């Protein structure tokens, strides 16, 4: 049996679990995004931890890029970037 058209939760409405978590965080005065941003900007933290926080935050402001296949007659090469390089 199919559900009637228009029944159920409307698009964009958080489910009960998400709403409960958001309410608990708000009651505690906890903003996870702000906490990660503060951690990322804290020069007393390790560069590895700061990089991880920045990487996590980046997904909220920049879309993830899809892999693009590049073909060339030249020898392939690999560029390796470490978290320390990213902090420069």
PDB file of N, CA and C in Angstrom:
ATOM      1  N   UNK A   1       0.834  -1.187   0.000  1.00  0.00           N
ATOM      2  CA  UNK A   1       0.000   0.000   0.000  1.00  0.00           C
ATOM      3  C   UNK A   1       0.877   1.249   0.000  1.00  0.00           C
ATOM      4  N   UNK A   2       0.614   2.161  -0.903  1.00  0.00           N
ATOM      5  CA  UNK A   2       1.384   3.393  -1.001  1.00  0.00           C
ATOM      6  C   UNK A   2       0.896   4.432  -0.006  1.00  0.00           C
ATOM      7  N   UNK A   3       1.853   5.285   0.438  1.00  0.00           N
ATOM      8  CA  UNK A   3       1.488   6.396   1.322  1.00  0.00           C
ATOM      9  C   UNK A   3       0.764   7.446   0.493  1.00  0.00           C
ATOM     10  N   UNK A   4      -0.170   8.133   1.112  1.00  0.00           N
ATOM     11  CA  UNK A   4      -0.835   9.225   0.381  1.00  0.00           C
ATOM     12  C   UNK A   4       0.159  10.330   0.021  1.00  0.00           C
ATOM     13  N   UNK A   5      -0.035  10.928  -1.111  1.00  0.00           N
ATOM     14  CA  UNK A   5       0.834  12.001  -1.576  1.00  0.00           C
ATOM     15  C   UNK A   5       0.827  13.147  -0.568  1.00  0.00           C
ATOM     16  N   UNK A   6       2.029  13.625  -0.200  1.00  0.00           N
ATOM     17  CA  UNK A   6       2.134  14.738   0.731  1.00  0.00           C
ATOM     18  C   UNK A   6       2.236  14.320   2.186  1.00  0.00           C
ATOM     19  N   UNK A   7       2.168  13.005   2.447  1.00  0.00           N
ATOM     20  CA  UNK A   7       2.290  12.550   3.835  1.00  0.00           C
ATOM     21  C   UNK A   7       3.758  12.408   4.205  1.00  0.00           C
ATOM     22  N   UNK A   8       4.036  12.340   5.475  1.00  0.00           N
ATOM     23  CA  UNK A   8       5.411  12.171   5.931  1.00  0.00           C
ATOM     24  C   UNK A   8       6.070  13.497   6.246  1.00  0.00           C
ATOM     25  N   UNK A   9       7.353  13.398   6.600  1.00  0.00           N
ATOM     26  CA  UNK A   9       8.127  14.586   6.985  1.00  0.00           C
ATOM     27  C   UNK A   9       8.421  15.434   5.747  1.00  0.00           C
ATOM     28  N   UNK A  10       8.252  16.721   5.878  1.00  0.00           N
ATOM     29  CA  UNK A  10       8.526  17.645   4.765  1.00  0.00           C
ATOM     30  C   UNK A  10      10.033  17.786   4.565  1.00  0.00           C
ATOM     31  N   UNK A  11      10.460  18.058   3.349  1.00  0.00           N
ATOM     32  CA  UNK A  11      11.878  18.219   3.022  1.00  0.00           C
ATOM     33  C   UNK A  11      12.489  19.328   3.871  1.00  0.00           C
ATOM     34  N   UNK A  12      13.666  19.053   4.422  1.00  0.00           N
ATOM     35  CA  UNK A  12      14.365  20.046   5.230  1.00  0.00           C
ATOM     36  C   UNK A  12      14.027  19.991   6.705  1.00  0.00           C
ATOM     37  N   UNK A  13      13.019  19.200   7.073  1.00  0.00           N
ATOM     38  CA  UNK A  13      12.653  19.056   8.481  1.00  0.00           C
ATOM     39  C   UNK A  13      13.557  18.010   9.112  1.00  0.00           C
ATOM     40  N   UNK A  14      14.271  18.371  10.193  1.00  0.00           N
ATOM     41  CA  UNK A  14      15.180  17.392  10.807  1.00  0.00           C
ATOM     42  C   UNK A  14      14.405  16.242  11.444  1.00  0.00           C
ATOM     43  N   UNK A  15      15.021  15.050  11.431  1.00  0.00           N
ATOM     44  CA  UNK A  15      14.372  13.918  12.086  1.00  0.00           C
ATOM     45  C   UNK A  15      14.476  14.087  13.596  1.00  0.00           C
ATOM     46  N   UNK A  16      13.805  13.217  14.361  1.00  0.00           N
ATOM     47  CA  UNK A  16      13.756  13.357  15.821  1.00  0.00           C
ATOM     48  C   UNK A  16      15.144  13.288  16.445  1.00  0.00           C
ATOM     49  N   UNK A  17      15.968  12.374  15.978  1.00  0.00           N
ATOM     50  CA  UNK A  17      17.312  12.211  16.552  1.00  0.00           C
ATOM     51  C   UNK A  17      18.145  13.475  16.345  1.00  0.00           C
ATOM     52  N   UNK A  18      18.151  13.993  15.127  1.00  0.00           N
ATOM     53  CA  UNK A  18      18.907  15.211  14.822  1.00  0.00           C
ATOM     54  C   UNK A  18      18.398  16.377  15.656  1.00  0.00           C
ATOM     55  N   UNK A  19      17.089  16.503  15.769  1.00  0.00           N
ATOM     56  CA  UNK A  19      16.508  17.603  16.535  1.00  0.00           C
ATOM     57  C   UNK A  19      16.904  17.494  18.005  1.00  0.00           C
ATOM     58  N   UNK A  20      16.885  16.277  18.552  1.00  0.00           N
ATOM     59  CA  UNK A  20      17.267  16.065  19.950  1.00  0.00           C
ATOM     60  C   UNK A  20      18.720  16.452  20.184  1.00  0.00           C
ATOM     61  N   UNK A  21      19.603  16.047  19.286  1.00  0.00           N
ATOM     62  CA  UNK A  21      21.026  16.376  19.409  1.00  0.00           C
ATOM     63  C   UNK A  21      21.227  17.887  19.333  1.00  0.00           C
ATOM     64  N   UNK A  22      20.574  18.540  18.377  1.00  0.00           N
ATOM     65  CA  UNK A  22      20.690  19.994  18.247  1.00  0.00           C
ATOM     66  C   UNK A  22      20.199  20.699  19.508  1.00  0.00           C
ATOM     67  N   UNK A  23      19.107  20.223  20.087  1.00  0.00           N
ATOM     68  CA  UNK A  23      18.565  20.834  21.306  1.00  0.00           C
ATOM     69  C   UNK A  23      19.530  20.667  22.478  1.00  0.00           C
ATOM     70  N   UNK A  24      20.134  19.484  22.614  1.00  0.00           N
ATOM     71  CA  UNK A  24      21.090  19.239  23.699  1.00  0.00           C
ATOM     72  C   UNK A  24      22.324  20.136  23.553  1.00  0.00           C
ATOM     73  N   UNK A  25      22.847  20.237  22.343  1.00  0.00           N
ATOM     74  CA  UNK A  25      24.014  21.089  22.112  1.00  0.00           C
ATOM     75  C   UNK A  25      23.689  22.552  22.414  1.00  0.00           C
ATOM     76  N   UNK A  26      22.515  22.986  22.000  1.00  0.00           N
ATOM     77  CA  UNK A  26      22.116  24.373  22.252  1.00  0.00           C
ATOM     78  C   UNK A  26      21.973  24.628  23.752  1.00  0.00           C
ATOM     79  N   UNK A  27      21.391  23.671  24.484  1.00  0.00           N
ATOM     80  CA  UNK A  27      21.227  23.824  25.933  1.00  0.00           C
ATOM     81  C   UNK A  27      22.580  23.915  26.636  1.00  0.00           C
ATOM     82  N   UNK A  28      23.592  23.243  26.073  1.00  0.00           N
ATOM     83  CA  UNK A  28      24.942  23.268  26.649  1.00  0.00           C
ATOM     84  C   UNK A  28      25.725  24.493  26.194  1.00  0.00           C
ATOM     85  N   UNK A  29      25.183  25.225  25.228  1.00  0.00           N
ATOM     86  CA  UNK A  29      25.918  26.362  24.668  1.00  0.00           C
ATOM     87  C   UNK A  29      27.083  25.907  23.800  1.00  0.00           C
ATOM     88  N   UNK A  30      26.933  24.742  23.194  1.00  0.00           N
ATOM     89  CA  UNK A  30      28.011  24.141  22.396  1.00  0.00           C
ATOM     90  C   UNK A  30      27.722  24.302  20.904  1.00  0.00           C
ATOM     91  N   UNK A  31      28.659  24.910  20.198  1.00  0.00           N
ATOM     92  CA  UNK A  31      28.577  25.041  18.748  1.00  0.00           C
ATOM     93  C   UNK A  31      29.770  24.289  18.166  1.00  0.00           C
ATOM     94  N   UNK A  32      29.566  23.065  17.651  1.00  0.00           N
ATOM     95  CA  UNK A  32      30.687  22.254  17.164  1.00  0.00           C
ATOM     96  C   UNK A  32      31.504  22.928  16.054  1.00  0.00           C
ATOM     97  N   UNK A  33      30.850  23.668  15.183  1.00  0.00           N
ATOM     98  CA  UNK A  33      31.562  24.337  14.089  1.00  0.00           C
ATOM     99  C   UNK A  33      32.482  25.413  14.663  1.00  0.00           C
ATOM    100  N   UNK A  34      31.972  26.200  15.607  1.00  0.00           N
ATOM    101  CA  UNK A  34      32.789  27.233  16.242  1.00  0.00           C
ATOM    102  C   UNK A  34      33.964  26.609  16.996  1.00  0.00           C
ATOM    103  N   UNK A  35      33.709  25.495  17.691  1.00  0.00           N
ATOM    104  CA  UNK A  35      34.768  24.828  18.442  1.00  0.00           C
ATOM    105  C   UNK A  35      35.875  24.332  17.504  1.00  0.00           C
ATOM    106  N   UNK A  36      35.482  23.761  16.356  1.00  0.00           N
ATOM    107  CA  UNK A  36      36.488  23.301  15.390  1.00  0.00           C
ATOM    108  C   UNK A  36      37.273  24.470  14.825  1.00  0.00           C
ATOM    109  N   UNK A  37      36.592  25.571  14.558  1.00  0.00           N
ATOM    110  CA  UNK A  37      37.272  26.758  14.023  1.00  0.00           C
ATOM    111  C   UNK A  37      38.284  27.299  15.029  1.00  0.00           C
ATOM    112  N   UNK A  38      37.905  27.353  16.297  1.00  0.00           N
ATOM    113  CA  UNK A  38      38.832  27.822  17.337  1.00  0.00           C
ATOM    114  C   UNK A  38      40.043  26.889  17.440  1.00  0.00           C
ATOM    115  N   UNK A  39      39.786  25.592  17.357  1.00  0.00           N
ATOM    116  CA  UNK A  39      40.868  24.608  17.405  1.00  0.00           C
ATOM    117  C   UNK A  39      41.802  24.779  16.202  1.00  0.00           C
ATOM    118  N   UNK A  40      41.226  24.988  15.040  1.00  0.00           N
ATOM    119  CA  UNK A  40      42.026  25.147  13.825  1.00  0.00           C
ATOM    120  C   UNK A  40      42.905  26.392  13.875  1.00  0.00           C
ATOM    121  N   UNK A  41      42.448  27.423  14.571  1.00  0.00           N
ATOM    122  CA  UNK A  41      43.192  28.671  14.632  1.00  0.00           C
ATOM    123  C   UNK A  41      44.144  28.756  15.826  1.00  0.00           C
ATOM    124  N   UNK A  42      44.122  27.755  16.706  1.00  0.00           N
ATOM    125  CA  UNK A  42      44.954  27.761  17.907  1.00  0.00           C
ATOM    126  C   UNK A  42      46.380  27.327  17.564  1.00  0.00           C
ATOM    127  N   UNK A  43      47.308  28.257  17.571  1.00  0.00           N
ATOM    128  CA  UNK A  43      48.694  27.968  17.207  1.00  0.00           C
ATOM    129  C   UNK A  43      49.406  27.084  18.229  1.00  0.00           C
ATOM    130  N   UNK A  44      48.802  26.888  19.414  1.00  0.00           N
ATOM    131  CA  UNK A  44      49.385  26.003  20.417  1.00  0.00           C
ATOM    132  C   UNK A  44      49.086  24.537  20.147  1.00  0.00           C
ATOM    133  N   UNK A  45      48.137  24.258  19.258  1.00  0.00           N
ATOM    134  CA  UNK A  45      47.802  22.878  18.896  1.00  0.00           C
ATOM    135  C   UNK A  45      48.763  22.375  17.819  1.00  0.00           C
ATOM    136  N   UNK A  46      48.832  21.058  17.685  1.00  0.00           N
ATOM    137  CA  UNK A  46      49.718  20.468  16.670  1.00  0.00           C
ATOM    138  C   UNK A  46      49.208  20.809  15.271  1.00  0.00           C
ATOM    139  N   UNK A  47      50.118  20.882  14.336  1.00  0.00           N
ATOM    140  CA  UNK A  47      49.718  21.206  12.964  1.00  0.00           C
ATOM    141  C   UNK A  47      48.852  20.097  12.382  1.00  0.00           C
ATOM    142  N   UNK A  48      49.054  18.856  12.814  1.00  0.00           N
ATOM    143  CA  UNK A  48      48.238  17.739  12.325  1.00  0.00           C
ATOM    144  C   UNK A  48      46.792  17.908  12.761  1.00  0.00           C
ATOM    145  N   UNK A  49      46.575  18.266  14.028  1.00  0.00           N
ATOM    146  CA  UNK A  49      45.222  18.469  14.541  1.00  0.00           C
ATOM    147  C   UNK A  49      44.573  19.685  13.892  1.00  0.00           C
ATOM    148  N   UNK A  50      45.328  20.754  13.738  1.00  0.00           N
ATOM    149  CA  UNK A  50      44.802  21.961  13.098  1.00  0.00           C
ATOM    150  C   UNK A  50      44.401  21.679  11.653  1.00  0.00           C
ATOM    151  N   UNK A  51      45.243  20.917  10.943  1.00  0.00           N
ATOM    152  CA  UNK A  51      44.950  20.563   9.552  1.00  0.00           C
ATOM    153  C   UNK A  51      43.670  19.733   9.474  1.00  0.00           C
ATOM    154  N   UNK A  52      43.505  18.776  10.388  1.00  0.00           N
ATOM    155  CA  UNK A  52      42.309  17.934  10.394  1.00  0.00           C
ATOM    156  C   UNK A  52      41.052  18.784  10.615  1.00  0.00           C
ATOM    157  N   UNK A  53      41.127  19.741  11.526  1.00  0.00           N
ATOM    158  CA  UNK A  53      39.983  20.615  11.787  1.00  0.00           C
ATOM    159  C   UNK A  53      39.675  21.477  10.560  1.00  0.00           C
ATOM    160  N   UNK A  54      40.694  22.023   9.934  1.00  0.00           N
ATOM    161  CA  UNK A  54      40.491  22.839   8.738  1.00  0.00           C
ATOM    162  C   UNK A  54      39.906  22.018   7.595  1.00  0.00           C
ATOM    163  N   UNK A  55      40.391  20.799   7.452  1.00  0.00           N
ATOM    164  CA  UNK A  55      39.892  19.906   6.403  1.00  0.00           C
ATOM    165  C   UNK A  55      38.407  19.619   6.618  1.00  0.00           C
ATOM    166  N   UNK A  56      38.031  19.373   7.857  1.00  0.00           N
ATOM    167  CA  UNK A  56      36.628  19.109   8.182  1.00  0.00           C
ATOM    168  C   UNK A  56      35.774  20.346   7.922  1.00  0.00           C
ATOM    169  N   UNK A  57      36.252  21.512   8.300  1.00  0.00           N
ATOM    170  CA  UNK A  57      35.499  22.749   8.107  1.00  0.00           C
ATOM    171  C   UNK A  57      35.380  23.132   6.636  1.00  0.00           C
ATOM    172  N   UNK A  58      36.382  22.799   5.849  1.00  0.00           N
ATOM    173  CA  UNK A  58      36.402  23.190   4.431  1.00  0.00           C
ATOM    174  C   UNK A  58      35.200  22.658   3.670  1.00  0.00           C
ATOM    175  N   UNK A  59      34.703  21.506   4.063  1.00  0.00           N
ATOM    176  CA  UNK A  59      33.574  20.930   3.324  1.00  0.00           C
ATOM    177  C   UNK A  59      32.296  21.770   3.445  1.00  0.00           C
ATOM    178  N   UNK A  60      32.260  22.680   4.424  1.00  0.00           N
ATOM    179  CA  UNK A  60      31.092  23.533   4.585  1.00  0.00           C
ATOM    180  C   UNK A  60      31.170  24.798   3.738  1.00  0.00           C
ATOM    181  N   UNK A  61      32.336  25.116   3.203  1.00  0.00           N
ATOM    182  CA  UNK A  61      32.479  26.338   2.418  1.00  0.00           C
ATOM    183  C   UNK A  61      32.968  26.098   0.991  1.00  0.00           C
ATOM    184  N   UNK A  62      33.459  24.898   0.712  1.00  0.00           N
ATOM    185  CA  UNK A  62      33.965  24.596  -0.631  1.00  0.00           C
ATOM    186  C   UNK A  62      33.515  23.195  -1.034  1.00  0.00           C
ATOM    187  N   UNK A  63      32.996  23.038  -2.233  1.00  0.00           N
ATOM    188  CA  UNK A  63      32.553  21.712  -2.659  1.00  0.00           C
ATOM    189  C   UNK A  63      33.732  20.764  -2.842  1.00  0.00           C
ATOM    190  N   UNK A  64      33.471  19.477  -2.595  1.00  0.00           N
ATOM    191  CA  UNK A  64      34.521  18.490  -2.840  1.00  0.00           C
ATOM    192  C   UNK A  64      34.689  18.345  -4.347  1.00  0.00           C
ATOM    193  N   UNK A  65      35.930  18.295  -4.768  1.00  0.00           N
ATOM    194  CA  UNK A  65      36.238  18.190  -6.195  1.00  0.00           C
ATOM    195  C   UNK A  65      36.246  16.720  -6.599  1.00  0.00           C
ATOM    196  N   UNK A  66      35.753  16.451  -7.781  1.00  0.00           N
ATOM    197  CA  UNK A  66      35.776  15.092  -8.302  1.00  0.00           C
ATOM    198  C   UNK A  66      37.106  14.862  -9.011  1.00  0.00           C
ATOM    199  N   UNK A  67      37.527  13.614  -9.011  1.00  0.00           N
ATOM    200  CA  UNK A  67      38.761  13.260  -9.699  1.00  0.00           C
ATOM    201  C   UNK A  67      38.571  13.442 -11.208  1.00  0.00           C
ATOM    202  N   UNK A  68      39.604  13.934 -11.851  1.00  0.00           N
ATOM    203  CA  UNK A  68      39.577  14.132 -13.290  1.00  0.00           C
ATOM    204  C   UNK A  68      40.734  13.345 -13.886  1.00  0.00           C
ATOM    205  N   UNK A  69      40.433  12.537 -14.881  1.00  0.00           N
ATOM    206  CA  UNK A  69      41.481  11.748 -15.514  1.00  0.00           C
ATOM    207  C   UNK A  69      42.217  12.620 -16.522  1.00  0.00           C
ATOM    208  N   UNK A  70      43.537  12.614 -16.415  1.00  0.00           N
ATOM    209  CA  UNK A  70      44.370  13.387 -17.324  1.00  0.00           C
ATOM    210  C   UNK A  70      45.288  12.424 -18.038  1.00  0.00           C
ATOM    211  N   UNK A  71      45.306  12.521 -19.348  1.00  0.00           N
ATOM    212  CA  UNK A  71      46.204  11.642 -20.100  1.00  0.00           C
ATOM    213  C   UNK A  71      47.279  12.501 -20.767  1.00  0.00           C
ATOM    214  N   UNK A  72      48.490  11.947 -20.797  1.00  0.00           N
ATOM    215  CA  UNK A  72      49.617  12.675 -21.351  1.00  0.00           C
ATOM    216  C   UNK A  72      50.642  11.680 -21.858  1.00  0.00           C
ATOM    217  N   UNK A  73      51.427  12.104 -22.813  1.00  0.00           N
ATOM    218  CA  UNK A  73      52.486  11.248 -23.336  1.00  0.00           C
ATOM    219  C   UNK A  73      53.715  11.290 -22.435  1.00  0.00           C
ATOM    220  N   UNK A  74      53.747  12.228 -21.487  1.00  0.00           N
ATOM    221  CA  UNK A  74      54.885  12.366 -20.599  1.00  0.00           C
ATOM    222  C   UNK A  74      54.797  11.364 -19.452  1.00  0.00           C
ATOM    223  N   UNK A  75      55.924  11.215 -18.746  1.00  0.00           N
ATOM    224  CA  UNK A  75      55.976  10.348 -17.571  1.00  0.00           C
ATOM    225  C   UNK A  75      55.040  10.897 -16.499  1.00  0.00           C
ATOM    226  N   UNK A  76      54.282  10.027 -15.822  1.00  0.00           N
ATOM    227  CA  UNK A  76      53.436  10.513 -14.733  1.00  0.00           C
ATOM    228  C   UNK A  76      54.268  10.942 -13.534  1.00  0.00           C
ATOM    229  N   UNK A  77      53.750  11.874 -12.741  1.00  0.00           N
ATOM    230  CA  UNK A  77      54.437  12.297 -11.530  1.00  0.00           C
ATOM    231  C   UNK A  77      53.412  12.456 -10.416  1.00  0.00           C
ATOM    232  N   UNK A  78      53.882  12.410  -9.186  1.00  0.00           N
ATOM    233  CA  UNK A  78      53.012  12.505  -8.020  1.00  0.00           C
ATOM    234  C   UNK A  78      53.491  13.659  -7.151  1.00  0.00           C
ATOM    235  N   UNK A  79      52.548  14.458  -6.684  1.00  0.00           N
ATOM    236  CA  UNK A  79      52.852  15.541  -5.756  1.00  0.00           C
ATOM    237  C   UNK A  79      52.310  15.123  -4.392  1.00  0.00           C
ATOM    238  N   UNK A  80      53.166  15.116  -3.398  1.00  0.00           N
ATOM    239  CA  UNK A  80      52.757  14.731  -2.051  1.00  0.00           C
ATOM    240  C   UNK A  80      52.752  15.973  -1.175  1.00  0.00           C
ATOM    241  N   UNK A  81      51.605  16.220  -0.523  1.00  0.00           N
ATOM    242  CA  UNK A  81      51.480  17.367   0.365  1.00  0.00           C
ATOM    243  C   UNK A  81      51.201  16.845   1.748  1.00  0.00           C
ATOM    244  N   UNK A  82      52.025  17.236   2.705  1.00  0.00           N
ATOM    245  CA  UNK A  82      51.827  16.826   4.077  1.00  0.00           C
ATOM    246  C   UNK A  82      51.058  17.917   4.816  1.00  0.00           C
ATOM    247  N   UNK A  83      50.467  17.594   5.975  1.00  0.00           N
ATOM    248  CA  UNK A  83      49.753  18.616   6.755  1.00  0.00           C
ATOM    249  C   UNK A  83      50.640  19.814   7.086  1.00  0.00           C
ATOM    250  N   UNK A  84      51.930  19.594   7.316  1.00  0.00           N
ATOM    251  CA  UNK A  84      52.836  20.685   7.624  1.00  0.00           C
ATOM    252  C   UNK A  84      52.948  21.650   6.458  1.00  0.00           C
ATOM    253  N   UNK A  85      52.954  21.119   5.217  1.00  0.00           N
ATOM    254  CA  UNK A  85      53.028  21.970   4.033  1.00  0.00           C
ATOM    255  C   UNK A  85      51.785  22.844   3.909  1.00  0.00           C
ATOM    256  N   UNK A  86      50.637  22.312   4.306  1.00  0.00           N
ATOM    257  CA  UNK A  86      49.392  23.048   4.176  1.00  0.00           C
ATOM    258  C   UNK A  86      49.328  24.239   5.105  1.00  0.00           C
ATOM    259  N   UNK A  87      50.064  24.238   6.171  1.00  0.00           N
ATOM    260  CA  UNK A  87      50.029  25.315   7.152  1.00  0.00           C
ATOM    261  C   UNK A  87      50.938  26.480   6.773  1.00  0.00           C
ATOM    262  N   UNK A  88      51.669  26.355   5.680  1.00  0.00           N
ATOM    263  CA  UNK A  88      52.604  27.419   5.275  1.00  0.00           C
ATOM    264  C   UNK A  88      51.893  28.606   4.701  1.00  0.00           C
TER     265      UNK A  88
END
